Amino acid sequence: MNGHHMAAALAALTFCAGAAAHGDFRCDVPKAEWQPQTALQRKLEADGWKKVRQVKTENGCYEVYGFDEKNRRAEKFFNPKTFELVGEVQQKN
């Protein structure tokens, strides 16, 4: 394998690993059916999350950064209509 092929293969592996590590979660909900981000934050805090640092939109889902009910760093994805957990990124220790 020459240098160009090796570089291309390494770039592809890096991209795939990054996508898998960050999560490839998708929510297909019409925007008109979304609940407010603040409602999700209140729900998570009521469920015992210690701190919600940020809620943003990613692939049609709400992506939440914070500290969960066990006070572990969390990056989780929720359906914006139902607030159902659709996935999470495993945090490194």
C-alpha atoms as a PDB file:
ATOM      1  CA  MET A   1       0.000   0.000   0.000  1.00  0.00           C
ATOM      2  CA  ASN A   2       1.546   3.314  -1.005  1.00  0.00           C
ATOM      3  CA  GLY A   3       1.554   6.455   1.102  1.00  0.00           C
ATOM      4  CA  HIS A   4      -1.557   7.970  -0.507  1.00  0.00           C
ATOM      5  CA  HIS A   5      -3.608   4.825   0.065  1.00  0.00           C
ATOM      6  CA  MET A   6      -2.378   4.563   3.648  1.00  0.00           C
ATOM      7  CA  ALA A   7      -3.315   8.193   4.346  1.00  0.00           C
ATOM      8  CA  ALA A   8      -6.766   7.719   2.804  1.00  0.00           C
ATOM      9  CA  ALA A   9      -7.363   4.546   4.824  1.00  0.00           C
ATOM     10  CA  LEU A  10      -6.253   6.264   8.041  1.00  0.00           C
ATOM     11  CA  ALA A  11      -8.510   9.243   7.340  1.00  0.00           C
ATOM     12  CA  ALA A  12     -11.494   6.950   6.713  1.00  0.00           C
ATOM     13  CA  LEU A  13     -10.879   5.017   9.933  1.00  0.00           C
ATOM     14  CA  THR A  14     -10.520   8.226  11.918  1.00  0.00           C
ATOM     15  CA  PHE A  15     -13.779   9.595  10.491  1.00  0.00           C
ATOM     16  CA  CYS A  16     -15.685   6.365  11.212  1.00  0.00           C
ATOM     17  CA  ALA A  17     -14.329   6.106  14.745  1.00  0.00           C
ATOM     18  CA  GLY A  18     -15.247   9.726  15.424  1.00  0.00           C
ATOM     19  CA  ALA A  19     -18.782   9.271  14.120  1.00  0.00           C
ATOM     20  CA  ALA A  20     -19.283   6.108  16.169  1.00  0.00           C
ATOM     21  CA  ALA A  21     -17.821   7.674  19.305  1.00  0.00           C
ATOM     22  CA  HIS A  22     -19.997  10.774  19.004  1.00  0.00           C
ATOM     23  CA  GLY A  23     -23.105   8.787  18.217  1.00  0.00           C
ATOM     24  CA  ASP A  24     -25.091   8.514  15.045  1.00  0.00           C
ATOM     25  CA  PHE A  25     -28.518   9.115  16.511  1.00  0.00           C
ATOM     26  CA  ARG A  26     -31.340  10.518  14.400  1.00  0.00           C
ATOM     27  CA  CYS A  27     -34.844  11.692  15.262  1.00  0.00           C
ATOM     28  CA  ASP A  28     -37.408  12.179  12.505  1.00  0.00           C
ATOM     29  CA  VAL A  29     -39.991  14.407  14.164  1.00  0.00           C
ATOM     30  CA  PRO A  30     -41.628  17.391  12.437  1.00  0.00           C
ATOM     31  CA  LYS A  31     -40.398  20.599  14.051  1.00  0.00           C
ATOM     32  CA  ALA A  32     -44.004  21.642  14.807  1.00  0.00           C
ATOM     33  CA  GLU A  33     -44.288  18.664  17.190  1.00  0.00           C
ATOM     34  CA  TRP A  34     -41.181  19.432  19.246  1.00  0.00           C
ATOM     35  CA  GLN A  35     -41.503  20.349  22.899  1.00  0.00           C
ATOM     36  CA  PRO A  36     -39.365  23.228  24.223  1.00  0.00           C
ATOM     37  CA  GLN A  37     -35.783  22.493  25.280  1.00  0.00           C
ATOM     38  CA  THR A  38     -36.531  24.037  28.667  1.00  0.00           C
ATOM     39  CA  ALA A  39     -39.236  21.387  29.254  1.00  0.00           C
ATOM     40  CA  LEU A  40     -36.647  18.633  28.656  1.00  0.00           C
ATOM     41  CA  GLN A  41     -34.225  20.338  31.032  1.00  0.00           C
ATOM     42  CA  ARG A  42     -36.910  20.544  33.753  1.00  0.00           C
ATOM     43  CA  LYS A  43     -37.806  16.860  33.213  1.00  0.00           C
ATOM     44  CA  LEU A  44     -34.186  15.737  33.505  1.00  0.00           C
ATOM     45  CA  GLU A  45     -33.672  17.775  36.666  1.00  0.00           C
ATOM     46  CA  ALA A  46     -36.878  16.290  38.122  1.00  0.00           C
ATOM     47  CA  ASP A  47     -35.517  12.830  37.190  1.00  0.00           C
ATOM     48  CA  GLY A  48     -32.425  13.546  39.305  1.00  0.00           C
ATOM     49  CA  TRP A  49     -29.885  14.984  36.890  1.00  0.00           C
ATOM     50  CA  LYS A  50     -27.395  16.977  38.961  1.00  0.00           C
ATOM     51  CA  LYS A  51     -26.761  19.572  36.272  1.00  0.00           C
ATOM     52  CA  VAL A  52     -27.827  20.176  32.680  1.00  0.00           C
ATOM     53  CA  ARG A  53     -25.065  22.245  31.082  1.00  0.00           C
ATOM     54  CA  GLN A  54     -26.351  22.500  27.519  1.00  0.00           C
ATOM     55  CA  VAL A  55     -29.214  21.342  25.312  1.00  0.00           C
ATOM     56  CA  LYS A  56     -28.745  21.628  21.563  1.00  0.00           C
ATOM     57  CA  THR A  57     -30.151  20.140  18.376  1.00  0.00           C
ATOM     58  CA  GLU A  58     -28.240  17.410  16.533  1.00  0.00           C
ATOM     59  CA  ASN A  59     -29.671  15.239  13.716  1.00  0.00           C
ATOM     60  CA  GLY A  60     -33.210  16.197  14.687  1.00  0.00           C
ATOM     61  CA  CYS A  61     -32.699  15.150  18.325  1.00  0.00           C
ATOM     62  CA  TYR A  62     -32.047  17.105  21.481  1.00  0.00           C
ATOM     63  CA  GLU A  63     -28.451  16.499  22.523  1.00  0.00           C
ATOM     64  CA  VAL A  64     -27.950  17.086  26.240  1.00  0.00           C
ATOM     65  CA  TYR A  65     -24.661  17.626  28.053  1.00  0.00           C
ATOM     66  CA  GLY A  66     -24.536  17.528  31.824  1.00  0.00           C
ATOM     67  CA  PHE A  67     -24.284  15.302  34.864  1.00  0.00           C
ATOM     68  CA  ASP A  68     -26.852  12.538  35.242  1.00  0.00           C
ATOM     69  CA  GLU A  69     -28.603  11.207  38.349  1.00  0.00           C
ATOM     70  CA  LYS A  70     -25.427   9.321  39.336  1.00  0.00           C
ATOM     71  CA  ASN A  71     -23.418  12.552  38.931  1.00  0.00           C
ATOM     72  CA  ARG A  72     -21.587  11.090  35.910  1.00  0.00           C
ATOM     73  CA  ARG A  73     -20.732  13.244  32.918  1.00  0.00           C
ATOM     74  CA  ALA A  74     -23.386  12.557  30.300  1.00  0.00           C
ATOM     75  CA  GLU A  75     -23.990  13.239  26.630  1.00  0.00           C
ATOM     76  CA  LYS A  76     -27.397  11.840  25.714  1.00  0.00           C
ATOM     77  CA  PHE A  77     -29.807  12.189  22.814  1.00  0.00           C
ATOM     78  CA  PHE A  78     -33.573  12.553  23.273  1.00  0.00           C
ATOM     79  CA  ASN A  79     -36.580  12.526  20.980  1.00  0.00           C
ATOM     80  CA  PRO A  80     -37.757  16.179  20.924  1.00  0.00           C
ATOM     81  CA  LYS A  81     -41.447  15.199  20.928  1.00  0.00           C
ATOM     82  CA  THR A  82     -41.539  12.436  23.562  1.00  0.00           C
ATOM     83  CA  PHE A  83     -38.261  13.075  25.432  1.00  0.00           C
ATOM     84  CA  GLU A  84     -37.525   9.356  25.022  1.00  0.00           C
ATOM     85  CA  LEU A  85     -33.817   8.526  25.294  1.00  0.00           C
ATOM     86  CA  VAL A  86     -32.616   7.493  21.831  1.00  0.00           C
ATOM     87  CA  GLY A  87     -28.916   7.080  22.564  1.00  0.00           C
ATOM     88  CA  GLU A  88     -25.876   8.223  24.438  1.00  0.00           C
ATOM     89  CA  VAL A  89     -22.182   8.709  23.962  1.00  0.00           C
ATOM     90  CA  GLN A  90     -20.119   6.599  26.311  1.00  0.00           C
ATOM     91  CA  GLN A  91     -17.868   8.860  28.358  1.00  0.00           C
ATOM     92  CA  LYS A  92     -14.215   8.020  28.897  1.00  0.00           C
ATOM     93  CA  ASN A  93     -13.173   7.692  32.532  1.00  0.00           C
END
